[in-house]
Amino acid sequence: MSQQLYAELEFAPRQERTDFGPGKVKIDAELCDGCILCAVICPAAIIEITGKKQDRKARLREGQDNCMACACCEAICQLEAIHVVRSYDFGGKWKQFDRGELSIPRRF
């Protein structure tokens, strides 16, 4: 019995993917009241709070692109100031099943 190479197997990817990357969220600074809940709940720690007292606002940390698009920040925001605009996408030899559009987690 001969061994098959991974690339010869039926389920192996046929071409190299180039359209993968981290998730992305958009924060509307006009709606944000700086409550810090999104920064606390973010598992990737990419959201930070800037400003003092009444001028506090959430923003994405500069130079970080490790968002997992889990939508926890969107679910916890009472003012709907945060929205996931791109879901996380695996790359390379990993296969991602098409499961349709993102669905928002339940509200906290």
PDB file of N, CA and C in Angstrom:
ATOM      1  N   MET A   1       0.857  -1.179   0.000  1.00  0.00           N
ATOM      2  CA  MET A   1       0.000   0.000   0.000  1.00  0.00           C
ATOM      3  C   MET A   1       0.900   1.238   0.000  1.00  0.00           C
ATOM      4  N   SER A   2       0.685   2.126  -0.936  1.00  0.00           N
ATOM      5  CA  SER A   2       1.504   3.331  -1.014  1.00  0.00           C
ATOM      6  C   SER A   2       0.852   4.467  -0.231  1.00  0.00           C
ATOM      7  N   GLN A   3       1.704   5.363   0.228  1.00  0.00           N
ATOM      8  CA  GLN A   3       1.203   6.512   0.973  1.00  0.00           C
ATOM      9  C   GLN A   3       0.907   7.655   0.014  1.00  0.00           C
ATOM     10  N   GLN A   4      -0.174   8.375   0.294  1.00  0.00           N
ATOM     11  CA  GLN A   4      -0.515   9.540  -0.515  1.00  0.00           C
ATOM     12  C   GLN A   4       0.006  10.800   0.158  1.00  0.00           C
ATOM     13  N   LEU A   5       0.412  11.744  -0.647  1.00  0.00           N
ATOM     14  CA  LEU A   5       0.793  13.037  -0.120  1.00  0.00           C
ATOM     15  C   LEU A   5      -0.464  13.813   0.243  1.00  0.00           C
ATOM     16  N   TYR A   6      -0.329  14.736   1.179  1.00  0.00           N
ATOM     17  CA  TYR A   6      -1.479  15.521   1.615  1.00  0.00           C
ATOM     18  C   TYR A   6      -2.147  16.229   0.443  1.00  0.00           C
ATOM     19  N   ALA A   7      -1.368  16.800  -0.447  1.00  0.00           N
ATOM     20  CA  ALA A   7      -1.911  17.552  -1.586  1.00  0.00           C
ATOM     21  C   ALA A   7      -2.672  16.661  -2.559  1.00  0.00           C
ATOM     22  N   GLU A   8      -2.445  15.372  -2.514  1.00  0.00           N
ATOM     23  CA  GLU A   8      -3.132  14.451  -3.422  1.00  0.00           C
ATOM     24  C   GLU A   8      -4.457  13.952  -2.858  1.00  0.00           C
ATOM     25  N   LEU A   9      -4.713  14.191  -1.597  1.00  0.00           N
ATOM     26  CA  LEU A   9      -5.952  13.722  -0.982  1.00  0.00           C
ATOM     27  C   LEU A   9      -7.146  14.486  -1.522  1.00  0.00           C
ATOM     28  N   GLU A  10      -8.304  13.860  -1.489  1.00  0.00           N
ATOM     29  CA  GLU A  10      -9.519  14.444  -2.051  1.00  0.00           C
ATOM     30  C   GLU A  10      -9.960  15.730  -1.363  1.00  0.00           C
ATOM     31  N   PHE A  11      -9.759  15.839  -0.054  1.00  0.00           N
ATOM     32  CA  PHE A  11     -10.228  17.008   0.690  1.00  0.00           C
ATOM     33  C   PHE A  11      -9.190  18.131   0.771  1.00  0.00           C
ATOM     34  N   ALA A  12      -8.011  17.935   0.226  1.00  0.00           N
ATOM     35  CA  ALA A  12      -6.961  18.962   0.297  1.00  0.00           C
ATOM     36  C   ALA A  12      -7.351  20.185  -0.527  1.00  0.00           C
ATOM     37  N   PRO A  13      -6.949  21.383  -0.088  1.00  0.00           N
ATOM     38  CA  PRO A  13      -7.275  22.591  -0.857  1.00  0.00           C
ATOM     39  C   PRO A  13      -6.609  22.553  -2.228  1.00  0.00           C
ATOM     40  N   ARG A  14      -7.307  23.042  -3.221  1.00  0.00           N
ATOM     41  CA  ARG A  14      -6.805  23.005  -4.589  1.00  0.00           C
ATOM     42  C   ARG A  14      -5.999  24.241  -4.961  1.00  0.00           C
ATOM     43  N   GLN A  15      -6.182  25.319  -4.226  1.00  0.00           N
ATOM     44  CA  GLN A  15      -5.413  26.526  -4.509  1.00  0.00           C
ATOM     45  C   GLN A  15      -5.125  27.251  -3.202  1.00  0.00           C
ATOM     46  N   GLU A  16      -4.094  28.069  -3.223  1.00  0.00           N
ATOM     47  CA  GLU A  16      -3.719  28.821  -2.033  1.00  0.00           C
ATOM     48  C   GLU A  16      -4.683  29.981  -1.837  1.00  0.00           C
ATOM     49  N   ARG A  17      -5.175  30.140  -0.634  1.00  0.00           N
ATOM     50  CA  ARG A  17      -6.100  31.237  -0.349  1.00  0.00           C
ATOM     51  C   ARG A  17      -5.334  32.485   0.020  1.00  0.00           C
ATOM     52  N   THR A  18      -5.816  33.617  -0.405  1.00  0.00           N
ATOM     53  CA  THR A  18      -5.170  34.877  -0.068  1.00  0.00           C
ATOM     54  C   THR A  18      -6.128  35.831   0.634  1.00  0.00           C
ATOM     55  N   ASP A  19      -7.378  35.464   0.754  1.00  0.00           N
ATOM     56  CA  ASP A  19      -8.379  36.359   1.331  1.00  0.00           C
ATOM     57  C   ASP A  19      -8.717  35.974   2.771  1.00  0.00           C
ATOM     58  N   PHE A  20      -7.716  35.948   3.624  1.00  0.00           N
ATOM     59  CA  PHE A  20      -7.978  35.620   5.021  1.00  0.00           C
ATOM     60  C   PHE A  20      -7.410  36.702   5.913  1.00  0.00           C
ATOM     61  N   GLY A  21      -7.860  36.718   7.135  1.00  0.00           N
ATOM     62  CA  GLY A  21      -7.352  37.706   8.063  1.00  0.00           C
ATOM     63  C   GLY A  21      -8.203  37.828   9.300  1.00  0.00           C
ATOM     64  N   PRO A  22      -7.827  38.762  10.137  1.00  0.00           N
ATOM     65  CA  PRO A  22      -8.544  38.936  11.398  1.00  0.00           C
ATOM     66  C   PRO A  22      -9.907  39.585  11.186  1.00  0.00           C
ATOM     67  N   GLY A  23     -10.700  39.541  12.217  1.00  0.00           N
ATOM     68  CA  GLY A  23     -11.990  40.217  12.177  1.00  0.00           C
ATOM     69  C   GLY A  23     -11.794  41.718  12.321  1.00  0.00           C
ATOM     70  N   LYS A  24     -12.888  42.437  12.165  1.00  0.00           N
ATOM     71  CA  LYS A  24     -12.792  43.891  12.281  1.00  0.00           C
ATOM     72  C   LYS A  24     -14.079  44.425  12.888  1.00  0.00           C
ATOM     73  N   VAL A  25     -13.932  45.336  13.830  1.00  0.00           N
ATOM     74  CA  VAL A  25     -15.080  46.001  14.432  1.00  0.00           C
ATOM     75  C   VAL A  25     -14.985  47.496  14.170  1.00  0.00           C
ATOM     76  N   LYS A  26     -16.137  48.131  14.150  1.00  0.00           N
ATOM     77  CA  LYS A  26     -16.196  49.580  13.949  1.00  0.00           C
ATOM     78  C   LYS A  26     -16.859  50.177  15.178  1.00  0.00           C
ATOM     79  N   ILE A  27     -16.231  51.221  15.728  1.00  0.00           N
ATOM     80  CA  ILE A  27     -16.762  51.894  16.914  1.00  0.00           C
ATOM     81  C   ILE A  27     -17.205  53.293  16.513  1.00  0.00           C
ATOM     82  N   ASP A  28     -18.468  53.599  16.761  1.00  0.00           N
ATOM     83  CA  ASP A  28     -19.001  54.930  16.478  1.00  0.00           C
ATOM     84  C   ASP A  28     -18.749  55.813  17.697  1.00  0.00           C
ATOM     85  N   ALA A  29     -17.777  56.708  17.579  1.00  0.00           N
ATOM     86  CA  ALA A  29     -17.386  57.565  18.706  1.00  0.00           C
ATOM     87  C   ALA A  29     -18.503  58.511  19.139  1.00  0.00           C
ATOM     88  N   GLU A  30     -19.387  58.863  18.223  1.00  0.00           N
ATOM     89  CA  GLU A  30     -20.500  59.755  18.562  1.00  0.00           C
ATOM     90  C   GLU A  30     -21.478  59.084  19.520  1.00  0.00           C
ATOM     91  N   LEU A  31     -21.705  57.796  19.338  1.00  0.00           N
ATOM     92  CA  LEU A  31     -22.655  57.073  20.184  1.00  0.00           C
ATOM     93  C   LEU A  31     -22.027  56.564  21.485  1.00  0.00           C
ATOM     94  N   CYS A  32     -20.720  56.347  21.479  1.00  0.00           N
ATOM     95  CA  CYS A  32     -20.028  55.765  22.636  1.00  0.00           C
ATOM     96  C   CYS A  32     -20.069  56.706  23.835  1.00  0.00           C
ATOM     97  N   ASP A  33     -20.401  56.131  25.014  1.00  0.00           N
ATOM     98  CA  ASP A  33     -20.399  56.927  26.243  1.00  0.00           C
ATOM     99  C   ASP A  33     -19.237  56.570  27.169  1.00  0.00           C
ATOM    100  N   GLY A  34     -18.350  55.665  26.723  1.00  0.00           N
ATOM    101  CA  GLY A  34     -17.163  55.324  27.507  1.00  0.00           C
ATOM    102  C   GLY A  34     -17.440  54.490  28.736  1.00  0.00           C
ATOM    103  N   CYS A  35     -18.407  53.608  28.670  1.00  0.00           N
ATOM    104  CA  CYS A  35     -18.799  52.820  29.849  1.00  0.00           C
ATOM    105  C   CYS A  35     -17.783  51.730  30.219  1.00  0.00           C
ATOM    106  N   ILE A  36     -16.830  51.439  29.411  1.00  0.00           N
ATOM    107  CA  ILE A  36     -15.731  50.470  29.539  1.00  0.00           C
ATOM    108  C   ILE A  36     -16.135  48.994  29.464  1.00  0.00           C
ATOM    109  N   LEU A  37     -17.394  48.687  29.309  1.00  0.00           N
ATOM    110  CA  LEU A  37     -17.813  47.288  29.265  1.00  0.00           C
ATOM    111  C   LEU A  37     -17.190  46.538  28.087  1.00  0.00           C
ATOM    112  N   CYS A  38     -17.098  47.181  26.941  1.00  0.00           N
ATOM    113  CA  CYS A  38     -16.533  46.526  25.762  1.00  0.00           C
ATOM    114  C   CYS A  38     -15.054  46.204  25.968  1.00  0.00           C
ATOM    115  N   ALA A  39     -14.323  47.100  26.603  1.00  0.00           N
ATOM    116  CA  ALA A  39     -12.900  46.879  26.855  1.00  0.00           C
ATOM    117  C   ALA A  39     -12.694  45.734  27.848  1.00  0.00           C
ATOM    118  N   VAL A  40     -13.582  45.612  28.793  1.00  0.00           N
ATOM    119  CA  VAL A  40     -13.474  44.560  29.796  1.00  0.00           C
ATOM    120  C   VAL A  40     -13.796  43.198  29.197  1.00  0.00           C
ATOM    121  N   ILE A  41     -14.795  43.123  28.336  1.00  0.00           N
ATOM    122  CA  ILE A  41     -15.255  41.835  27.822  1.00  0.00           C
ATOM    123  C   ILE A  41     -14.464  41.324  26.626  1.00  0.00           C
ATOM    124  N   CYS A  42     -13.705  42.179  25.950  1.00  0.00           N
ATOM    125  CA  CYS A  42     -12.989  41.787  24.729  1.00  0.00           C
ATOM    126  C   CYS A  42     -11.906  40.751  25.030  1.00  0.00           C
ATOM    127  N   PRO A  43     -12.029  39.516  24.509  1.00  0.00           N
ATOM    128  CA  PRO A  43     -11.019  38.489  24.797  1.00  0.00           C
ATOM    129  C   PRO A  43      -9.684  38.754  24.107  1.00  0.00           C
ATOM    130  N   ALA A  44      -9.689  39.527  23.036  1.00  0.00           N
ATOM    131  CA  ALA A  44      -8.445  39.842  22.325  1.00  0.00           C
ATOM    132  C   ALA A  44      -7.790  41.103  22.869  1.00  0.00           C
ATOM    133  N   ALA A  45      -8.443  41.810  23.749  1.00  0.00           N
ATOM    134  CA  ALA A  45      -7.937  43.044  24.373  1.00  0.00           C
ATOM    135  C   ALA A  45      -7.522  44.087  23.344  1.00  0.00           C
ATOM    136  N   ILE A  46      -8.335  44.268  22.306  1.00  0.00           N
ATOM    137  CA  ILE A  46      -7.996  45.275  21.284  1.00  0.00           C
ATOM    138  C   ILE A  46      -8.758  46.579  21.481  1.00  0.00           C
ATOM    139  N   ILE A  47      -9.658  46.635  22.452  1.00  0.00           N
ATOM    140  CA  ILE A  47     -10.422  47.854  22.699  1.00  0.00           C
ATOM    141  C   ILE A  47      -9.859  48.538  23.939  1.00  0.00           C
ATOM    142  N   GLU A  48      -9.611  49.837  23.824  1.00  0.00           N
ATOM    143  CA  GLU A  48      -9.124  50.612  24.949  1.00  0.00           C
ATOM    144  C   GLU A  48     -10.012  51.834  25.135  1.00  0.00           C
ATOM    145  N   ILE A  49      -9.998  52.370  26.332  1.00  0.00           N
ATOM    146  CA  ILE A  49     -10.782  53.559  26.654  1.00  0.00           C
ATOM    147  C   ILE A  49      -9.820  54.738  26.777  1.00  0.00           C
ATOM    148  N   THR A  50     -10.129  55.810  26.083  1.00  0.00           N
ATOM    149  CA  THR A  50      -9.283  57.008  26.138  1.00  0.00           C
ATOM    150  C   THR A  50     -10.092  58.172  26.697  1.00  0.00           C
ATOM    151  N   GLY A  51      -9.408  59.168  27.183  1.00  0.00           N
ATOM    152  CA  GLY A  51     -10.074  60.342  27.733  1.00  0.00           C
ATOM    153  C   GLY A  51     -10.337  60.192  29.219  1.00  0.00           C
ATOM    154  N   LYS A  52     -10.823  61.257  29.815  1.00  0.00           N
ATOM    155  CA  LYS A  52     -11.093  61.271  31.251  1.00  0.00           C
ATOM    156  C   LYS A  52     -12.537  61.676  31.515  1.00  0.00           C
ATOM    157  N   LYS A  53     -13.078  61.079  32.530  1.00  0.00           N
ATOM    158  CA  LYS A  53     -14.435  61.350  33.012  1.00  0.00           C
ATOM    159  C   LYS A  53     -15.473  61.440  31.890  1.00  0.00           C
ATOM    160  N   GLN A  54     -16.000  62.615  31.617  1.00  0.00           N
ATOM    161  CA  GLN A  54     -17.074  62.779  30.638  1.00  0.00           C
ATOM    162  C   GLN A  54     -16.610  62.599  29.198  1.00  0.00           C
ATOM    163  N   ASP A  55     -15.314  62.699  28.942  1.00  0.00           N
ATOM    164  CA  ASP A  55     -14.789  62.599  27.579  1.00  0.00           C
ATOM    165  C   ASP A  55     -14.300  61.201  27.227  1.00  0.00           C
ATOM    166  N   ARG A  56     -14.621  60.196  28.039  1.00  0.00           N
ATOM    167  CA  ARG A  56     -14.165  58.830  27.763  1.00  0.00           C
ATOM    168  C   ARG A  56     -14.835  58.277  26.512  1.00  0.00           C
ATOM    169  N   LYS A  57     -14.034  57.608  25.693  1.00  0.00           N
ATOM    170  CA  LYS A  57     -14.526  56.956  24.474  1.00  0.00           C
ATOM    171  C   LYS A  57     -13.751  55.666  24.262  1.00  0.00           C
ATOM    172  N   ALA A  58     -14.390  54.700  23.643  1.00  0.00           N
ATOM    173  CA  ALA A  58     -13.713  53.455  23.279  1.00  0.00           C
ATOM    174  C   ALA A  58     -13.078  53.623  21.913  1.00  0.00           C
ATOM    175  N   ARG A  59     -11.943  52.969  21.724  1.00  0.00           N
ATOM    176  CA  ARG A  59     -11.300  52.946  20.415  1.00  0.00           C
ATOM    177  C   ARG A  59     -10.481  51.671  20.305  1.00  0.00           C
ATOM    178  N   LEU A  60     -10.086  51.348  19.076  1.00  0.00           N
ATOM    179  CA  LEU A  60      -9.265  50.165  18.844  1.00  0.00           C
ATOM    180  C   LEU A  60      -7.808  50.517  19.118  1.00  0.00           C
ATOM    181  N   ARG A  61      -7.090  49.591  19.729  1.00  0.00           N
ATOM    182  CA  ARG A  61      -5.666  49.815  19.999  1.00  0.00           C
ATOM    183  C   ARG A  61      -4.901  49.889  18.682  1.00  0.00           C
ATOM    184  N   GLU A  62      -4.005  50.821  18.590  1.00  0.00           N
ATOM    185  CA  GLU A  62      -3.216  50.988  17.368  1.00  0.00           C
ATOM    186  C   GLU A  62      -2.230  49.837  17.219  1.00  0.00           C
ATOM    187  N   GLY A  63      -2.091  49.364  15.995  1.00  0.00           N
ATOM    188  CA  GLY A  63      -1.118  48.320  15.704  1.00  0.00           C
ATOM    189  C   GLY A  63      -1.557  46.917  16.067  1.00  0.00           C
ATOM    190  N   GLN A  64      -2.792  46.749  16.522  1.00  0.00           N
ATOM    191  CA  GLN A  64      -3.272  45.409  16.857  1.00  0.00           C
ATOM    192  C   GLN A  64      -4.346  44.995  15.863  1.00  0.00           C
ATOM    193  N   ASP A  65      -4.186  43.808  15.310  1.00  0.00           N
ATOM    194  CA  ASP A  65      -5.176  43.304  14.358  1.00  0.00           C
ATOM    195  C   ASP A  65      -5.546  41.863  14.681  1.00  0.00           C
ATOM    196  N   ASN A  66      -5.708  41.583  15.957  1.00  0.00           N
ATOM    197  CA  ASN A  66      -6.011  40.217  16.368  1.00  0.00           C
ATOM    198  C   ASN A  66      -7.467  40.033  16.794  1.00  0.00           C
ATOM    199  N   CYS A  67      -8.363  40.818  16.216  1.00  0.00           N
ATOM    200  CA  CYS A  67      -9.784  40.690  16.532  1.00  0.00           C
ATOM    201  C   CYS A  67     -10.301  39.338  16.055  1.00  0.00           C
ATOM    202  N   MET A  68     -11.053  38.648  16.910  1.00  0.00           N
ATOM    203  CA  MET A  68     -11.609  37.352  16.567  1.00  0.00           C
ATOM    204  C   MET A  68     -13.052  37.453  16.070  1.00  0.00           C
ATOM    205  N   ALA A  69     -13.580  38.652  16.025  1.00  0.00           N
ATOM    206  CA  ALA A  69     -14.955  38.892  15.592  1.00  0.00           C
ATOM    207  C   ALA A  69     -15.949  38.050  16.391  1.00  0.00           C
ATOM    208  N   CYS A  70     -15.721  37.953  17.672  1.00  0.00           N
ATOM    209  CA  CYS A  70     -16.621  37.173  18.528  1.00  0.00           C
ATOM    210  C   CYS A  70     -17.921  37.922  18.797  1.00  0.00           C
ATOM    211  N   ALA A  71     -17.927  39.224  18.580  1.00  0.00           N
ATOM    212  CA  ALA A  71     -19.100  40.094  18.741  1.00  0.00           C
ATOM    213  C   ALA A  71     -19.550  40.261  20.192  1.00  0.00           C
ATOM    214  N   CYS A  72     -18.687  39.942  21.143  1.00  0.00           N
ATOM    215  CA  CYS A  72     -19.022  40.178  22.550  1.00  0.00           C
ATOM    216  C   CYS A  72     -19.186  41.666  22.811  1.00  0.00           C
ATOM    217  N   CYS A  73     -18.299  42.468  22.213  1.00  0.00           N
ATOM    218  CA  CYS A  73     -18.376  43.920  22.410  1.00  0.00           C
ATOM    219  C   CYS A  73     -19.674  44.478  21.828  1.00  0.00           C
ATOM    220  N   GLU A  74     -20.086  43.948  20.698  1.00  0.00           N
ATOM    221  CA  GLU A  74     -21.331  44.401  20.074  1.00  0.00           C
ATOM    222  C   GLU A  74     -22.533  44.018  20.930  1.00  0.00           C
ATOM    223  N   ALA A  75     -22.483  42.847  21.506  1.00  0.00           N
ATOM    224  CA  ALA A  75     -23.600  42.376  22.318  1.00  0.00           C
ATOM    225  C   ALA A  75     -23.736  43.135  23.633  1.00  0.00           C
ATOM    226  N   ILE A  76     -22.614  43.555  24.206  1.00  0.00           N
ATOM    227  CA  ILE A  76     -22.673  44.200  25.520  1.00  0.00           C
ATOM    228  C   ILE A  76     -22.909  45.705  25.432  1.00  0.00           C
ATOM    229  N   CYS A  77     -22.698  46.296  24.261  1.00  0.00           N
ATOM    230  CA  CYS A  77     -22.861  47.746  24.113  1.00  0.00           C
ATOM    231  C   CYS A  77     -24.343  48.127  24.155  1.00  0.00           C
ATOM    232  N   GLN A  78     -24.737  48.860  25.171  1.00  0.00           N
ATOM    233  CA  GLN A  78     -26.132  49.257  25.345  1.00  0.00           C
ATOM    234  C   GLN A  78     -26.577  50.297  24.320  1.00  0.00           C
ATOM    235  N   LEU A  79     -25.627  51.068  23.809  1.00  0.00           N
ATOM    236  CA  LEU A  79     -25.953  52.154  22.872  1.00  0.00           C
ATOM    237  C   LEU A  79     -25.773  51.763  21.408  1.00  0.00           C
ATOM    238  N   GLU A  80     -25.421  50.506  21.156  1.00  0.00           N
ATOM    239  CA  GLU A  80     -25.196  49.992  19.801  1.00  0.00           C
ATOM    240  C   GLU A  80     -24.160  50.833  19.049  1.00  0.00           C
ATOM    241  N   ALA A  81     -23.068  51.160  19.730  1.00  0.00           N
ATOM    242  CA  ALA A  81     -21.998  51.971  19.140  1.00  0.00           C
ATOM    243  C   ALA A  81     -20.930  51.103  18.476  1.00  0.00           C
ATOM    244  N   ILE A  82     -20.980  49.789  18.682  1.00  0.00           N
ATOM    245  CA  ILE A  82     -19.971  48.883  18.124  1.00  0.00           C
ATOM    246  C   ILE A  82     -20.643  47.869  17.213  1.00  0.00           C
ATOM    247  N   HIS A  83     -20.032  47.654  16.046  1.00  0.00           N
ATOM    248  CA  HIS A  83     -20.561  46.683  15.087  1.00  0.00           C
ATOM    249  C   HIS A  83     -19.415  45.889  14.473  1.00  0.00           C
ATOM    250  N   VAL A  84     -19.598  44.578  14.339  1.00  0.00           N
ATOM    251  CA  VAL A  84     -18.622  43.741  13.650  1.00  0.00           C
ATOM    252  C   VAL A  84     -18.841  43.932  12.156  1.00  0.00           C
ATOM    253  N   VAL A  85     -17.801  44.342  11.452  1.00  0.00           N
ATOM    254  CA  VAL A  85     -17.940  44.596  10.015  1.00  0.00           C
ATOM    255  C   VAL A  85     -17.263  43.529   9.165  1.00  0.00           C
ATOM    256  N   ARG A  86     -16.371  42.732   9.766  1.00  0.00           N
ATOM    257  CA  ARG A  86     -15.750  41.626   9.027  1.00  0.00           C
ATOM    258  C   ARG A  86     -15.496  40.489   9.993  1.00  0.00           C
ATOM    259  N   SER A  87     -15.906  39.290   9.612  1.00  0.00           N
ATOM    260  CA  SER A  87     -15.702  38.146  10.492  1.00  0.00           C
ATOM    261  C   SER A  87     -14.285  37.607  10.331  1.00  0.00           C
ATOM    262  N   TYR A  88     -13.832  36.888  11.326  1.00  0.00           N
ATOM    263  CA  TYR A  88     -12.505  36.279  11.294  1.00  0.00           C
ATOM    264  C   TYR A  88     -12.500  35.201  10.221  1.00  0.00           C
ATOM    265  N   ASP A  89     -11.404  35.086   9.503  1.00  0.00           N
ATOM    266  CA  ASP A  89     -11.323  34.110   8.429  1.00  0.00           C
ATOM    267  C   ASP A  89     -10.015  33.345   8.544  1.00  0.00           C
ATOM    268  N   PHE A  90     -10.103  32.024   8.650  1.00  0.00           N
ATOM    269  CA  PHE A  90      -8.904  31.195   8.703  1.00  0.00           C
ATOM    270  C   PHE A  90      -8.197  31.230   7.360  1.00  0.00           C
ATOM    271  N   GLY A  91      -6.923  31.006   7.361  1.00  0.00           N
ATOM    272  CA  GLY A  91      -6.172  31.016   6.111  1.00  0.00           C
ATOM    273  C   GLY A  91      -5.304  29.793   5.980  1.00  0.00           C
ATOM    274  N   GLY A  92      -4.539  29.776   4.930  1.00  0.00           N
ATOM    275  CA  GLY A  92      -3.626  28.667   4.702  1.00  0.00           C
ATOM    276  C   GLY A  92      -4.349  27.395   4.336  1.00  0.00           C
ATOM    277  N   LYS A  93      -3.970  26.308   4.978  1.00  0.00           N
ATOM    278  CA  LYS A  93      -4.539  25.002   4.635  1.00  0.00           C
ATOM    279  C   LYS A  93      -5.811  24.674   5.410  1.00  0.00           C
ATOM    280  N   TRP A  94      -6.256  25.592   6.272  1.00  0.00           N
ATOM    281  CA  TRP A  94      -7.475  25.349   7.033  1.00  0.00           C
ATOM    282  C   TRP A  94      -8.689  25.625   6.166  1.00  0.00           C
ATOM    283  N   LYS A  95      -9.717  24.855   6.357  1.00  0.00           N
ATOM    284  CA  LYS A  95     -10.939  25.030   5.591  1.00  0.00           C
ATOM    285  C   LYS A  95     -11.993  25.641   6.490  1.00  0.00           C
ATOM    286  N   GLN A  96     -12.667  26.646   6.000  1.00  0.00           N
ATOM    287  CA  GLN A  96     -13.731  27.286   6.761  1.00  0.00           C
ATOM    288  C   GLN A  96     -15.053  26.979   6.065  1.00  0.00           C
ATOM    289  N   PHE A  97     -15.981  26.441   6.809  1.00  0.00           N
ATOM    290  CA  PHE A  97     -17.285  26.116   6.252  1.00  0.00           C
ATOM    291  C   PHE A  97     -18.124  27.369   6.123  1.00  0.00           C
ATOM    292  N   ASP A  98     -18.862  27.480   5.063  1.00  0.00           N
ATOM    293  CA  ASP A  98     -19.723  28.634   4.868  1.00  0.00           C
ATOM    294  C   ASP A  98     -20.981  28.431   5.698  1.00  0.00           C
ATOM    295  N   ARG A  99     -21.145  29.271   6.686  1.00  0.00           N
ATOM    296  CA  ARG A  99     -22.309  29.154   7.568  1.00  0.00           C
ATOM    297  C   ARG A  99     -23.190  30.380   7.495  1.00  0.00           C
ATOM    298  N   GLY A 100     -23.020  31.153   6.448  1.00  0.00           N
ATOM    299  CA  GLY A 100     -23.880  32.321   6.271  1.00  0.00           C
ATOM    300  C   GLY A 100     -23.335  33.540   6.971  1.00  0.00           C
ATOM    301  N   GLU A 101     -24.176  34.531   7.108  1.00  0.00           N
ATOM    302  CA  GLU A 101     -23.794  35.781   7.731  1.00  0.00           C
ATOM    303  C   GLU A 101     -23.609  35.611   9.237  1.00  0.00           C
ATOM    304  N   LEU A 102     -22.899  36.561   9.823  1.00  0.00           N
ATOM    305  CA  LEU A 102     -22.727  36.561  11.269  1.00  0.00           C
ATOM    306  C   LEU A 102     -24.074  36.786  11.960  1.00  0.00           C
ATOM    307  N   SER A 103     -24.240  36.167  13.095  1.00  0.00           N
ATOM    308  CA  SER A 103     -25.428  36.432  13.887  1.00  0.00           C
ATOM    309  C   SER A 103     -24.975  37.060  15.198  1.00  0.00           C
ATOM    310  N   ILE A 104     -25.733  38.004  15.663  1.00  0.00           N
ATOM    311  CA  ILE A 104     -25.382  38.736  16.873  1.00  0.00           C
ATOM    312  C   ILE A 104     -25.684  37.858  18.082  1.00  0.00           C
ATOM    313  N   PRO A 105     -24.752  37.784  19.043  1.00  0.00           N
ATOM    314  CA  PRO A 105     -25.031  37.012  20.253  1.00  0.00           C
ATOM    315  C   PRO A 105     -26.159  37.659  21.052  1.00  0.00           C
ATOM    316  N   ARG A 106     -26.680  36.942  21.982  1.00  0.00           N
ATOM    317  CA  ARG A 106     -27.761  37.490  22.792  1.00  0.00           C
ATOM    318  C   ARG A 106     -27.276  38.704  23.564  1.00  0.00           C
ATOM    319  N   ARG A 107     -28.172  39.602  23.862  1.00  0.00           N
ATOM    320  CA  ARG A 107     -27.837  40.806  24.633  1.00  0.00           C
ATOM    321  C   ARG A 107     -27.612  40.426  26.082  1.00  0.00           C
ATOM    322  N   PHE A 108     -26.692  41.099  26.742  1.00  0.00           N
ATOM    323  CA  PHE A 108     -26.411  40.853  28.149  1.00  0.00           C
ATOM    324  C   PHE A 108     -27.408  41.555  29.014  1.00  0.00           C
TER     325      PHE A 108
END
